[in-house]
């Protein structure tokens, strides 16, 4: 191999840090959602002193939901940039094993139906490139659990926030909030698993590139 690779360790750290921030904002939103749920429950018991509390609960929940959406977009941007950097390393180690064009790093998350399998396929190919030549295989239990959690979190979030906006009664709002809090829990789990994937795959691919630069005999080429 000619030249040394620019190893994206800093980008991996930034991505993991943004994922941690996203998880923290999700926890805060979950707490605000629980507070709003309690206020709605009190209103259903005809407590007349909860009107002002509902306004405050709505304000906190609405503001934190906005911050959560912003954190999600920032996290996705960093994650996509990290994927591009990993693809650059994979192309140095095992280019023939990468089944999708680089453009799918972005479009795989945007195209309907492709969202269900293209990102996982992309990650599988990166993981295989990072493994020793004789043990290369696409897929890993960590990647499978991670992807199922990501899909579940995305599915629940789409349904539940729509139901919350359309709720006409306090009872409907409480039911939607229960589902939103479950969705938030899935997002926290997905963020934690994504940190594990980012950290482990970054280390594996960087090690594979460095091994290739040193050559079979352990000397740098």
N, C-alpha and C. Protein backbone atom coordinates (compact mmCIF):
# COMPACT_ATOMS: atom_id res chain seq x y z
N UNK A 1 0.85 -1.20 0.00
CA UNK A 1 0.00 0.00 0.00
C UNK A 1 0.88 1.23 0.00
N UNK A 2 0.50 2.22 -0.83
CA UNK A 2 1.29 3.42 -0.87
C UNK A 2 0.76 4.48 0.06
N UNK A 3 1.64 5.06 0.89
CA UNK A 3 1.24 6.14 1.78
C UNK A 3 0.56 5.64 3.03
N UNK A 4 0.48 6.52 3.97
CA UNK A 4 -0.17 6.19 5.23
C UNK A 4 -1.61 6.66 5.21
N UNK A 5 -2.49 5.89 5.86
CA UNK A 5 -3.91 6.28 5.95
C UNK A 5 -4.09 7.33 7.02
N UNK A 6 -5.03 8.23 6.78
CA UNK A 6 -5.42 9.19 7.82
C UNK A 6 -6.47 8.52 8.68
N UNK A 7 -6.08 8.10 9.87
CA UNK A 7 -6.98 7.34 10.72
C UNK A 7 -7.93 8.27 11.47
N UNK A 8 -9.25 8.00 11.38
CA UNK A 8 -10.24 8.95 11.90
C UNK A 8 -10.59 8.73 13.36
N UNK A 9 -9.60 8.60 14.23
CA UNK A 9 -9.88 8.38 15.64
C UNK A 9 -10.64 9.52 16.27
N UNK A 10 -10.28 10.77 15.90
CA UNK A 10 -10.97 11.93 16.44
C UNK A 10 -12.43 11.96 16.05
N UNK A 11 -12.74 11.59 14.81
CA UNK A 11 -14.12 11.58 14.35
C UNK A 11 -14.94 10.54 15.10
N UNK A 12 -14.33 9.40 15.38
CA UNK A 12 -15.03 8.36 16.15
C UNK A 12 -15.35 8.87 17.56
N UNK A 13 -14.41 9.58 18.17
CA UNK A 13 -14.66 10.13 19.50
C UNK A 13 -15.76 11.18 19.48
N UNK A 14 -15.75 12.04 18.46
CA UNK A 14 -16.80 13.04 18.34
C UNK A 14 -18.17 12.39 18.14
N UNK A 15 -18.20 11.34 17.32
CA UNK A 15 -19.46 10.64 17.07
C UNK A 15 -19.98 10.00 18.34
N UNK A 16 -19.10 9.34 19.09
CA UNK A 16 -19.52 8.73 20.35
C UNK A 16 -19.98 9.80 21.34
N UNK A 17 -19.28 10.94 21.37
CA UNK A 17 -19.68 12.03 22.26
C UNK A 17 -21.05 12.58 21.91
N UNK A 18 -21.32 12.72 20.60
CA UNK A 18 -22.63 13.22 20.17
C UNK A 18 -23.72 12.21 20.49
N UNK A 19 -23.42 10.94 20.35
CA UNK A 19 -24.38 9.89 20.71
C UNK A 19 -24.70 9.94 22.20
N UNK A 20 -23.67 10.20 23.01
CA UNK A 20 -23.89 10.32 24.46
C UNK A 20 -24.77 11.54 24.76
N UNK A 21 -24.52 12.66 24.07
CA UNK A 21 -25.37 13.85 24.26
C UNK A 21 -26.81 13.56 23.86
N UNK A 22 -26.97 12.87 22.75
CA UNK A 22 -28.32 12.51 22.30
C UNK A 22 -29.03 11.65 23.35
N UNK A 23 -28.30 10.70 23.92
CA UNK A 23 -28.89 9.84 24.96
C UNK A 23 -29.29 10.67 26.18
N UNK A 24 -28.44 11.63 26.58
CA UNK A 24 -28.76 12.46 27.74
C UNK A 24 -29.99 13.34 27.50
N UNK A 25 -30.08 13.93 26.30
CA UNK A 25 -31.25 14.74 25.97
C UNK A 25 -32.50 13.85 25.93
N UNK A 26 -32.34 12.63 25.46
CA UNK A 26 -33.48 11.70 25.43
C UNK A 26 -33.95 11.38 26.85
N UNK A 27 -32.99 11.18 27.76
CA UNK A 27 -33.35 10.93 29.17
C UNK A 27 -34.11 12.13 29.73
N UNK A 28 -33.63 13.34 29.44
CA UNK A 28 -34.31 14.55 29.93
C UNK A 28 -35.72 14.65 29.35
N UNK A 29 -35.87 14.31 28.07
CA UNK A 29 -37.20 14.33 27.45
C UNK A 29 -38.11 13.28 28.08
N UNK A 30 -37.53 12.15 28.41
CA UNK A 30 -38.30 11.09 29.08
C UNK A 30 -38.81 11.57 30.43
N UNK A 31 -37.96 12.26 31.18
CA UNK A 31 -38.38 12.79 32.49
C UNK A 31 -39.50 13.82 32.31
N UNK A 32 -39.34 14.71 31.32
CA UNK A 32 -40.38 15.71 31.05
C UNK A 32 -41.68 15.05 30.61
N UNK A 33 -41.56 13.98 29.83
CA UNK A 33 -42.76 13.26 29.41
C UNK A 33 -43.47 12.61 30.58
N UNK A 34 -42.69 12.07 31.51
CA UNK A 34 -43.28 11.45 32.70
C UNK A 34 -43.98 12.50 33.56
N UNK A 35 -43.37 13.69 33.67
CA UNK A 35 -44.01 14.77 34.43
C UNK A 35 -45.33 15.17 33.78
N UNK A 36 -45.33 15.29 32.46
CA UNK A 36 -46.56 15.64 31.75
C UNK A 36 -47.61 14.55 31.94
N UNK A 37 -47.18 13.31 31.93
CA UNK A 37 -48.11 12.18 32.13
C UNK A 37 -48.77 12.29 33.51
N UNK A 38 -47.97 12.61 34.54
CA UNK A 38 -48.52 12.73 35.89
C UNK A 38 -49.54 13.87 35.98
N UNK A 39 -49.23 15.00 35.32
CA UNK A 39 -50.15 16.14 35.35
C UNK A 39 -51.46 15.78 34.65
N UNK A 40 -51.36 15.10 33.51
CA UNK A 40 -52.57 14.68 32.80
C UNK A 40 -53.40 13.71 33.63
N UNK A 41 -52.70 12.85 34.36
CA UNK A 41 -53.41 11.91 35.23
C UNK A 41 -54.14 12.66 36.34
N UNK A 42 -53.50 13.69 36.90
CA UNK A 42 -54.15 14.49 37.93
C UNK A 42 -55.36 15.23 37.38
N UNK A 43 -55.25 15.71 36.13
CA UNK A 43 -56.38 16.40 35.52
C UNK A 43 -57.56 15.46 35.32
N UNK A 44 -57.26 14.21 35.00
CA UNK A 44 -58.35 13.24 34.81
C UNK A 44 -59.08 12.96 36.11
N UNK A 45 -58.42 13.27 37.25
CA UNK A 45 -59.05 13.11 38.56
C UNK A 45 -59.74 14.41 39.01
N UNK A 46 -59.87 15.36 38.06
CA UNK A 46 -60.59 16.62 38.29
C UNK A 46 -59.92 17.51 39.33
N UNK A 47 -58.59 17.50 39.36
CA UNK A 47 -57.89 18.43 40.26
C UNK A 47 -57.79 19.77 39.56
N UNK A 48 -58.44 20.75 40.09
CA UNK A 48 -58.54 22.04 39.42
C UNK A 48 -57.24 22.85 39.47
N UNK A 49 -56.29 22.46 40.34
CA UNK A 49 -55.06 23.24 40.51
C UNK A 49 -53.95 22.79 39.58
N UNK A 50 -54.25 21.93 38.62
CA UNK A 50 -53.20 21.39 37.75
C UNK A 50 -53.11 22.10 36.40
N UNK A 51 -53.95 23.11 36.15
CA UNK A 51 -53.93 23.78 34.86
C UNK A 51 -52.60 24.46 34.58
N UNK A 52 -52.07 25.21 35.55
CA UNK A 52 -50.78 25.88 35.37
C UNK A 52 -49.65 24.87 35.26
N UNK A 53 -49.76 23.79 36.02
CA UNK A 53 -48.73 22.75 35.96
C UNK A 53 -48.69 22.11 34.58
N UNK A 54 -49.85 21.96 33.94
CA UNK A 54 -49.89 21.39 32.59
C UNK A 54 -49.20 22.30 31.59
N UNK A 55 -49.41 23.62 31.75
CA UNK A 55 -48.74 24.58 30.85
C UNK A 55 -47.23 24.45 30.98
N UNK A 56 -46.74 24.36 32.21
CA UNK A 56 -45.28 24.21 32.43
C UNK A 56 -44.79 22.88 31.87
N UNK A 57 -45.57 21.82 32.13
CA UNK A 57 -45.16 20.49 31.64
C UNK A 57 -45.11 20.47 30.11
N UNK A 58 -46.11 21.10 29.49
CA UNK A 58 -46.12 21.17 28.02
C UNK A 58 -44.92 21.95 27.50
N UNK A 59 -44.58 23.04 28.20
CA UNK A 59 -43.45 23.87 27.77
C UNK A 59 -42.14 23.08 27.84
N UNK A 60 -41.90 22.41 28.97
CA UNK A 60 -40.68 21.64 29.11
C UNK A 60 -40.61 20.49 28.10
N UNK A 61 -41.70 19.78 27.98
CA UNK A 61 -41.71 18.64 27.06
C UNK A 61 -41.53 19.11 25.61
N UNK A 62 -42.23 20.19 25.24
CA UNK A 62 -42.09 20.71 23.87
C UNK A 62 -40.69 21.21 23.58
N UNK A 63 -40.10 21.96 24.51
CA UNK A 63 -38.74 22.48 24.30
C UNK A 63 -37.72 21.35 24.20
N UNK A 64 -37.84 20.38 25.10
CA UNK A 64 -36.88 19.27 25.07
C UNK A 64 -37.07 18.39 23.84
N UNK A 65 -38.30 18.27 23.37
CA UNK A 65 -38.52 17.52 22.13
C UNK A 65 -37.83 18.21 20.96
N UNK A 66 -37.88 19.55 20.94
CA UNK A 66 -37.16 20.29 19.90
C UNK A 66 -35.65 20.08 19.99
N UNK A 67 -35.11 20.14 21.21
CA UNK A 67 -33.68 19.88 21.39
C UNK A 67 -33.33 18.45 20.99
N UNK A 68 -34.23 17.52 21.28
CA UNK A 68 -33.99 16.13 20.93
C UNK A 68 -33.91 15.95 19.42
N UNK A 69 -34.79 16.61 18.70
CA UNK A 69 -34.75 16.52 17.24
C UNK A 69 -33.46 17.12 16.68
N UNK A 70 -33.02 18.24 17.27
CA UNK A 70 -31.76 18.85 16.83
C UNK A 70 -30.58 17.93 17.12
N UNK A 71 -30.59 17.32 18.31
CA UNK A 71 -29.51 16.40 18.68
C UNK A 71 -29.49 15.19 17.76
N UNK A 72 -30.68 14.73 17.38
CA UNK A 72 -30.77 13.58 16.48
C UNK A 72 -30.15 13.91 15.12
N UNK A 73 -30.48 15.09 14.58
CA UNK A 73 -29.93 15.48 13.28
C UNK A 73 -28.41 15.61 13.34
N UNK A 74 -27.91 16.23 14.42
CA UNK A 74 -26.45 16.38 14.56
C UNK A 74 -25.78 15.02 14.70
N UNK A 75 -26.42 14.12 15.43
CA UNK A 75 -25.87 12.78 15.60
C UNK A 75 -25.82 12.03 14.28
N UNK A 76 -26.92 12.13 13.50
CA UNK A 76 -26.95 11.44 12.21
C UNK A 76 -25.89 11.99 11.27
N UNK A 77 -25.69 13.33 11.28
CA UNK A 77 -24.67 13.93 10.42
C UNK A 77 -23.29 13.39 10.77
N UNK A 78 -22.96 13.37 12.05
CA UNK A 78 -21.65 12.86 12.47
C UNK A 78 -21.52 11.37 12.17
N UNK A 79 -22.59 10.64 12.38
CA UNK A 79 -22.54 9.20 12.11
C UNK A 79 -22.29 8.92 10.63
N UNK A 80 -22.93 9.70 9.75
CA UNK A 80 -22.72 9.52 8.32
C UNK A 80 -21.30 9.89 7.93
N UNK A 81 -20.78 10.98 8.51
CA UNK A 81 -19.38 11.34 8.24
C UNK A 81 -18.43 10.25 8.73
N UNK A 82 -18.76 9.67 9.89
CA UNK A 82 -17.93 8.57 10.40
C UNK A 82 -17.99 7.37 9.46
N UNK A 83 -19.19 7.05 8.95
CA UNK A 83 -19.32 5.94 8.01
C UNK A 83 -18.48 6.17 6.76
N UNK A 84 -18.47 7.41 6.26
CA UNK A 84 -17.65 7.72 5.08
C UNK A 84 -16.17 7.50 5.37
N UNK A 85 -15.74 7.90 6.56
CA UNK A 85 -14.32 7.71 6.91
C UNK A 85 -14.00 6.22 7.03
N UNK A 86 -14.95 5.44 7.57
CA UNK A 86 -14.73 3.99 7.68
C UNK A 86 -14.68 3.35 6.30
N UNK A 87 -15.51 3.87 5.38
CA UNK A 87 -15.49 3.32 4.02
C UNK A 87 -14.14 3.58 3.35
N UNK A 88 -13.56 4.74 3.61
CA UNK A 88 -12.24 5.03 3.06
C UNK A 88 -11.21 4.01 3.54
N UNK A 89 -11.28 3.65 4.82
CA UNK A 89 -10.36 2.64 5.35
C UNK A 89 -10.65 1.27 4.78
N UNK A 90 -11.94 0.92 4.67
CA UNK A 90 -12.31 -0.39 4.13
C UNK A 90 -11.85 -0.54 2.68
N UNK A 91 -11.89 0.56 1.92
CA UNK A 91 -11.44 0.51 0.52
C UNK A 91 -9.93 0.27 0.43
N UNK A 92 -9.20 0.59 1.49
CA UNK A 92 -7.76 0.31 1.51
C UNK A 92 -7.48 -1.14 1.87
N UNK A 93 -8.39 -1.73 2.63
CA UNK A 93 -8.16 -3.09 3.13
C UNK A 93 -8.82 -4.14 2.25
N UNK A 94 -10.08 -3.92 1.89
CA UNK A 94 -10.84 -4.94 1.14
C UNK A 94 -11.85 -4.25 0.23
N UNK A 95 -11.40 -3.54 -0.80
CA UNK A 95 -12.32 -2.77 -1.66
C UNK A 95 -13.32 -3.65 -2.39
N UNK A 96 -12.90 -4.85 -2.81
CA UNK A 96 -13.79 -5.72 -3.57
C UNK A 96 -14.94 -6.27 -2.73
N UNK A 97 -14.84 -6.16 -1.43
CA UNK A 97 -15.88 -6.68 -0.55
C UNK A 97 -16.96 -5.67 -0.22
N UNK A 98 -16.79 -4.41 -0.69
CA UNK A 98 -17.79 -3.38 -0.40
C UNK A 98 -18.84 -3.39 -1.51
N UNK A 99 -20.04 -3.84 -1.17
CA UNK A 99 -21.06 -4.12 -2.18
C UNK A 99 -21.84 -2.90 -2.64
N UNK A 100 -21.78 -1.80 -1.91
CA UNK A 100 -22.55 -0.61 -2.27
C UNK A 100 -21.65 0.58 -2.52
N UNK A 101 -22.08 1.43 -3.45
CA UNK A 101 -21.34 2.64 -3.75
C UNK A 101 -21.34 3.57 -2.53
N UNK A 102 -20.34 4.45 -2.47
CA UNK A 102 -20.22 5.38 -1.34
C UNK A 102 -21.48 6.24 -1.15
N UNK A 103 -22.19 6.53 -2.24
CA UNK A 103 -23.37 7.39 -2.15
C UNK A 103 -24.43 6.80 -1.21
N UNK A 104 -24.41 5.48 -1.06
CA UNK A 104 -25.41 4.84 -0.20
C UNK A 104 -25.16 5.10 1.28
N UNK A 105 -24.00 5.66 1.61
CA UNK A 105 -23.77 6.08 3.01
C UNK A 105 -24.85 7.07 3.43
N UNK A 106 -25.26 7.94 2.49
CA UNK A 106 -26.32 8.91 2.76
C UNK A 106 -27.68 8.39 2.32
N UNK A 107 -27.78 7.96 1.06
CA UNK A 107 -29.08 7.59 0.50
C UNK A 107 -29.68 6.35 1.18
N UNK A 108 -28.84 5.53 1.76
CA UNK A 108 -29.35 4.35 2.46
C UNK A 108 -30.26 4.70 3.62
N UNK A 109 -30.09 5.90 4.19
CA UNK A 109 -30.94 6.34 5.31
C UNK A 109 -32.16 7.11 4.83
N UNK A 110 -32.21 7.51 3.55
CA UNK A 110 -33.26 8.38 3.04
C UNK A 110 -34.26 7.68 2.14
N UNK A 111 -33.81 6.69 1.38
CA UNK A 111 -34.69 6.03 0.42
C UNK A 111 -35.61 5.05 1.13
N UNK A 112 -36.93 5.19 0.95
CA UNK A 112 -37.87 4.24 1.59
C UNK A 112 -37.56 2.79 1.21
N UNK A 113 -37.81 1.90 2.11
CA UNK A 113 -37.52 0.46 2.00
C UNK A 113 -36.02 0.18 2.08
N UNK A 114 -35.21 0.95 1.33
CA UNK A 114 -33.76 0.77 1.44
C UNK A 114 -33.29 1.04 2.86
N UNK A 115 -34.03 1.90 3.58
CA UNK A 115 -33.68 2.20 4.98
C UNK A 115 -33.67 0.95 5.85
N UNK A 116 -34.41 -0.06 5.43
CA UNK A 116 -34.55 -1.25 6.26
C UNK A 116 -33.34 -2.17 6.21
N UNK A 117 -32.55 -2.09 5.13
CA UNK A 117 -31.45 -3.06 5.01
C UNK A 117 -30.13 -2.49 4.49
N UNK A 118 -30.16 -1.38 3.73
CA UNK A 118 -28.92 -0.86 3.14
C UNK A 118 -27.90 -0.43 4.21
N UNK A 119 -28.29 0.35 5.23
CA UNK A 119 -27.29 0.74 6.24
C UNK A 119 -26.66 -0.47 6.93
N UNK A 120 -27.48 -1.48 7.23
CA UNK A 120 -26.93 -2.69 7.87
C UNK A 120 -25.98 -3.41 6.92
N UNK A 121 -26.34 -3.49 5.64
CA UNK A 121 -25.46 -4.12 4.66
C UNK A 121 -24.13 -3.38 4.58
N UNK A 122 -24.19 -2.04 4.61
CA UNK A 122 -22.99 -1.22 4.55
C UNK A 122 -22.08 -1.51 5.74
N UNK A 123 -22.68 -1.54 6.94
CA UNK A 123 -21.91 -1.82 8.16
C UNK A 123 -21.35 -3.23 8.14
N UNK A 124 -22.13 -4.19 7.66
CA UNK A 124 -21.65 -5.57 7.57
C UNK A 124 -20.38 -5.66 6.73
N UNK A 125 -20.37 -4.96 5.60
CA UNK A 125 -19.19 -4.99 4.71
C UNK A 125 -17.98 -4.34 5.38
N UNK A 126 -18.21 -3.24 6.11
CA UNK A 126 -17.11 -2.60 6.83
C UNK A 126 -16.55 -3.54 7.89
N UNK A 127 -17.44 -4.22 8.60
CA UNK A 127 -17.02 -5.14 9.67
C UNK A 127 -16.19 -6.29 9.08
N UNK A 128 -16.65 -6.82 7.93
CA UNK A 128 -15.92 -7.92 7.28
C UNK A 128 -14.53 -7.46 6.84
N UNK A 129 -14.45 -6.22 6.33
CA UNK A 129 -13.14 -5.70 5.91
C UNK A 129 -12.18 -5.57 7.08
N UNK A 130 -12.72 -5.32 8.27
CA UNK A 130 -11.87 -5.12 9.44
C UNK A 130 -11.34 -6.42 10.03
N UNK A 131 -11.95 -7.55 9.67
CA UNK A 131 -11.54 -8.82 10.24
C UNK A 131 -10.35 -9.40 9.49
N UNK A 132 -9.58 -10.29 10.13
CA UNK A 132 -8.49 -10.96 9.44
C UNK A 132 -8.98 -11.69 8.19
N UNK A 133 -8.15 -11.75 7.18
CA UNK A 133 -8.55 -12.28 5.88
C UNK A 133 -9.17 -13.67 5.97
N UNK A 134 -8.60 -14.55 6.76
CA UNK A 134 -9.09 -15.93 6.84
C UNK A 134 -10.38 -16.05 7.64
N UNK A 135 -10.77 -15.01 8.37
CA UNK A 135 -11.98 -15.11 9.21
C UNK A 135 -13.03 -14.08 8.81
N UNK A 136 -12.95 -13.58 7.59
CA UNK A 136 -13.90 -12.56 7.17
C UNK A 136 -15.30 -13.15 6.99
N UNK A 137 -16.25 -12.51 7.63
CA UNK A 137 -17.65 -12.85 7.41
C UNK A 137 -18.49 -11.61 7.69
N UNK A 138 -19.53 -11.47 6.90
CA UNK A 138 -20.40 -10.31 7.06
C UNK A 138 -21.40 -10.57 8.18
N UNK A 139 -21.49 -9.63 9.09
CA UNK A 139 -22.44 -9.77 10.18
C UNK A 139 -21.78 -10.16 11.48
N UNK A 140 -22.50 -9.87 12.57
CA UNK A 140 -22.02 -10.12 13.91
C UNK A 140 -23.21 -9.98 14.84
N UNK A 141 -23.28 -10.74 15.95
CA UNK A 141 -24.42 -10.59 16.86
C UNK A 141 -24.62 -9.16 17.35
N UNK A 142 -23.52 -8.44 17.62
CA UNK A 142 -23.64 -7.05 18.06
C UNK A 142 -24.34 -6.22 16.99
N UNK A 143 -23.97 -6.40 15.72
CA UNK A 143 -24.57 -5.63 14.65
C UNK A 143 -26.05 -5.97 14.48
N UNK A 144 -26.39 -7.24 14.66
CA UNK A 144 -27.79 -7.65 14.52
C UNK A 144 -28.66 -7.03 15.61
N UNK A 145 -28.21 -7.11 16.85
CA UNK A 145 -28.97 -6.51 17.97
C UNK A 145 -29.06 -5.00 17.79
N UNK A 146 -27.95 -4.37 17.40
CA UNK A 146 -27.94 -2.93 17.17
C UNK A 146 -28.97 -2.54 16.11
N UNK A 147 -28.99 -3.22 14.98
CA UNK A 147 -29.87 -2.83 13.90
C UNK A 147 -31.34 -3.06 14.24
N UNK A 148 -31.65 -4.16 14.90
CA UNK A 148 -33.03 -4.41 15.31
C UNK A 148 -33.52 -3.34 16.28
N UNK A 149 -32.63 -2.90 17.18
CA UNK A 149 -32.99 -1.84 18.13
C UNK A 149 -33.20 -0.51 17.41
N UNK A 150 -32.35 -0.19 16.44
CA UNK A 150 -32.49 1.04 15.65
C UNK A 150 -33.82 1.03 14.89
N UNK A 151 -34.14 -0.09 14.25
CA UNK A 151 -35.40 -0.18 13.50
C UNK A 151 -36.60 -0.05 14.43
N UNK A 152 -36.55 -0.71 15.58
CA UNK A 152 -37.66 -0.63 16.53
C UNK A 152 -37.85 0.79 17.04
N UNK A 153 -36.75 1.46 17.37
CA UNK A 153 -36.83 2.83 17.88
C UNK A 153 -37.41 3.77 16.82
N UNK A 154 -36.98 3.63 15.58
CA UNK A 154 -37.49 4.48 14.51
C UNK A 154 -38.96 4.24 14.24
N UNK A 155 -39.38 2.99 14.28
CA UNK A 155 -40.78 2.65 14.02
C UNK A 155 -41.69 3.22 15.10
N UNK A 156 -41.33 3.01 16.36
CA UNK A 156 -42.15 3.50 17.47
C UNK A 156 -42.21 5.02 17.48
N UNK A 157 -41.09 5.68 17.20
CA UNK A 157 -41.07 7.15 17.25
C UNK A 157 -42.01 7.74 16.22
N UNK A 158 -42.03 7.19 15.00
CA UNK A 158 -42.91 7.70 13.95
C UNK A 158 -44.37 7.61 14.34
N UNK A 159 -44.75 6.46 14.92
CA UNK A 159 -46.15 6.25 15.29
C UNK A 159 -46.56 7.10 16.49
N UNK A 160 -45.72 7.15 17.51
CA UNK A 160 -46.13 7.68 18.80
C UNK A 160 -46.20 9.20 18.83
N UNK A 161 -45.26 9.89 18.22
CA UNK A 161 -45.34 11.34 18.22
C UNK A 161 -46.53 11.82 17.40
N UNK A 162 -46.88 11.08 16.34
CA UNK A 162 -48.07 11.43 15.56
C UNK A 162 -49.32 11.26 16.41
N UNK A 163 -49.39 10.17 17.16
CA UNK A 163 -50.54 9.92 18.02
C UNK A 163 -50.66 10.98 19.11
N UNK A 164 -49.52 11.44 19.64
CA UNK A 164 -49.54 12.45 20.70
C UNK A 164 -50.07 13.78 20.17
N UNK A 165 -49.68 14.14 18.95
CA UNK A 165 -50.15 15.40 18.36
C UNK A 165 -51.65 15.35 18.08
N UNK A 166 -52.15 14.16 17.76
CA UNK A 166 -53.56 14.02 17.39
C UNK A 166 -54.46 13.73 18.58
N UNK A 167 -53.89 13.59 19.77
CA UNK A 167 -54.69 13.23 20.96
C UNK A 167 -55.71 14.34 21.24
N UNK A 168 -56.98 13.92 21.40
CA UNK A 168 -58.05 14.88 21.64
C UNK A 168 -58.47 14.94 23.10
N UNK A 169 -58.09 13.94 23.88
CA UNK A 169 -58.47 13.91 25.30
C UNK A 169 -57.24 13.63 26.14
N UNK A 170 -57.36 13.87 27.45
CA UNK A 170 -56.24 13.60 28.36
C UNK A 170 -55.91 12.12 28.36
N UNK A 171 -56.93 11.25 28.26
CA UNK A 171 -56.68 9.81 28.23
C UNK A 171 -55.89 9.40 27.01
N UNK A 172 -56.23 9.94 25.85
CA UNK A 172 -55.49 9.62 24.62
C UNK A 172 -54.06 10.15 24.70
N UNK A 173 -53.90 11.33 25.30
CA UNK A 173 -52.56 11.91 25.44
C UNK A 173 -51.71 11.06 26.37
N UNK A 174 -52.30 10.55 27.46
CA UNK A 174 -51.54 9.70 28.38
C UNK A 174 -51.11 8.41 27.70
N UNK A 175 -52.01 7.82 26.93
CA UNK A 175 -51.66 6.58 26.22
C UNK A 175 -50.54 6.82 25.22
N UNK A 176 -50.63 7.94 24.47
CA UNK A 176 -49.57 8.27 23.51
C UNK A 176 -48.25 8.55 24.22
N UNK A 177 -48.31 9.21 25.38
CA UNK A 177 -47.09 9.49 26.14
C UNK A 177 -46.43 8.21 26.63
N UNK A 178 -47.23 7.23 27.04
CA UNK A 178 -46.64 5.94 27.45
C UNK A 178 -45.84 5.34 26.31
N UNK A 179 -46.40 5.41 25.12
CA UNK A 179 -45.68 4.86 23.95
C UNK A 179 -44.44 5.69 23.61
N UNK A 180 -44.56 7.02 23.75
CA UNK A 180 -43.40 7.89 23.49
C UNK A 180 -42.27 7.57 24.45
N UNK A 181 -42.60 7.34 25.72
CA UNK A 181 -41.55 7.02 26.70
C UNK A 181 -40.91 5.67 26.40
N UNK A 182 -41.70 4.72 25.89
CA UNK A 182 -41.11 3.45 25.47
C UNK A 182 -40.18 3.66 24.28
N UNK A 183 -40.63 4.51 23.34
CA UNK A 183 -39.80 4.83 22.18
C UNK A 183 -38.50 5.48 22.60
N UNK A 184 -38.58 6.40 23.58
CA UNK A 184 -37.36 7.06 24.07
C UNK A 184 -36.41 6.05 24.71
N UNK A 185 -36.97 5.08 25.41
CA UNK A 185 -36.12 4.04 26.01
C UNK A 185 -35.39 3.25 24.92
N UNK A 186 -36.10 2.96 23.83
CA UNK A 186 -35.46 2.26 22.71
C UNK A 186 -34.37 3.12 22.08
N UNK A 187 -34.60 4.44 22.00
CA UNK A 187 -33.58 5.33 21.45
C UNK A 187 -32.33 5.37 22.33
N UNK A 188 -32.54 5.33 23.63
CA UNK A 188 -31.38 5.31 24.54
C UNK A 188 -30.59 4.02 24.33
N UNK A 189 -31.30 2.90 24.24
CA UNK A 189 -30.61 1.63 23.98
C UNK A 189 -29.91 1.63 22.64
N UNK A 190 -30.57 2.19 21.60
CA UNK A 190 -29.95 2.25 20.28
C UNK A 190 -28.70 3.12 20.29
N UNK A 191 -28.74 4.24 21.02
CA UNK A 191 -27.57 5.11 21.11
C UNK A 191 -26.40 4.40 21.79
N UNK A 192 -26.69 3.67 22.87
CA UNK A 192 -25.64 2.94 23.58
C UNK A 192 -25.02 1.87 22.68
N UNK A 193 -25.86 1.14 21.95
CA UNK A 193 -25.35 0.10 21.05
C UNK A 193 -24.57 0.71 19.89
N UNK A 194 -25.01 1.89 19.42
CA UNK A 194 -24.29 2.55 18.33
C UNK A 194 -22.90 2.99 18.79
N UNK A 195 -22.80 3.45 20.02
CA UNK A 195 -21.47 3.79 20.57
C UNK A 195 -20.57 2.55 20.54
N UNK A 196 -21.11 1.41 20.94
CA UNK A 196 -20.32 0.18 20.94
C UNK A 196 -19.88 -0.18 19.53
N UNK A 197 -20.78 -0.04 18.56
CA UNK A 197 -20.44 -0.36 17.16
C UNK A 197 -19.38 0.59 16.63
N UNK A 198 -19.58 1.89 16.86
CA UNK A 198 -18.63 2.89 16.37
C UNK A 198 -17.24 2.65 16.97
N UNK A 199 -17.19 2.46 18.27
CA UNK A 199 -15.90 2.33 18.93
C UNK A 199 -15.17 1.06 18.50
N UNK A 200 -15.93 -0.06 18.45
CA UNK A 200 -15.29 -1.33 18.11
C UNK A 200 -14.88 -1.38 16.65
N UNK A 201 -15.77 -0.95 15.76
CA UNK A 201 -15.45 -1.00 14.33
C UNK A 201 -14.32 -0.05 13.98
N UNK A 202 -14.29 1.13 14.61
CA UNK A 202 -13.18 2.07 14.37
C UNK A 202 -11.85 1.43 14.74
N UNK A 203 -11.80 0.83 15.92
CA UNK A 203 -10.55 0.20 16.35
C UNK A 203 -10.13 -0.94 15.44
N UNK A 204 -11.11 -1.76 15.03
CA UNK A 204 -10.80 -2.91 14.17
C UNK A 204 -10.27 -2.47 12.81
N UNK A 205 -10.95 -1.49 12.19
CA UNK A 205 -10.52 -1.05 10.86
C UNK A 205 -9.19 -0.32 10.90
N UNK A 206 -8.98 0.49 11.92
CA UNK A 206 -7.70 1.18 12.04
C UNK A 206 -6.57 0.17 12.22
N UNK A 207 -6.81 -0.85 13.02
CA UNK A 207 -5.80 -1.89 13.21
C UNK A 207 -5.53 -2.62 11.90
N UNK A 208 -6.60 -2.91 11.13
CA UNK A 208 -6.42 -3.61 9.86
C UNK A 208 -5.60 -2.78 8.88
N UNK A 209 -5.85 -1.47 8.84
CA UNK A 209 -5.09 -0.60 7.94
C UNK A 209 -3.63 -0.52 8.36
N UNK A 210 -3.38 -0.38 9.64
CA UNK A 210 -2.00 -0.31 10.13
C UNK A 210 -1.25 -1.61 9.86
N UNK A 211 -1.95 -2.73 10.03
CA UNK A 211 -1.32 -4.01 9.71
C UNK A 211 -0.97 -4.09 8.23
N UNK A 212 -1.86 -3.57 7.37
CA UNK A 212 -1.57 -3.57 5.94
C UNK A 212 -0.42 -2.66 5.59
N UNK A 213 -0.29 -1.53 6.29
CA UNK A 213 0.82 -0.62 6.02
C UNK A 213 2.15 -1.21 6.44
N UNK A 214 2.12 -2.02 7.52
CA UNK A 214 3.38 -2.63 7.97
C UNK A 214 3.78 -3.80 7.09
N UNK A 215 2.79 -4.43 6.44
CA UNK A 215 3.09 -5.56 5.59
C UNK A 215 3.16 -6.85 6.37
N UNK A 216 3.24 -7.99 5.68
CA UNK A 216 3.24 -9.30 6.33
C UNK A 216 4.36 -9.48 7.33
N UNK A 217 5.48 -8.90 7.07
CA UNK A 217 6.62 -9.09 7.96
C UNK A 217 6.66 -8.17 9.15
N UNK A 218 5.65 -7.28 9.25
CA UNK A 218 5.59 -6.36 10.37
C UNK A 218 6.36 -5.08 10.16
N UNK A 219 6.96 -4.91 8.96
CA UNK A 219 7.70 -3.68 8.68
C UNK A 219 6.83 -2.75 7.84
N UNK A 220 6.95 -1.47 8.09
CA UNK A 220 6.12 -0.51 7.39
C UNK A 220 6.52 -0.43 5.93
N UNK A 221 5.46 -0.37 5.06
CA UNK A 221 5.73 -0.31 3.62
C UNK A 221 5.75 1.12 3.14
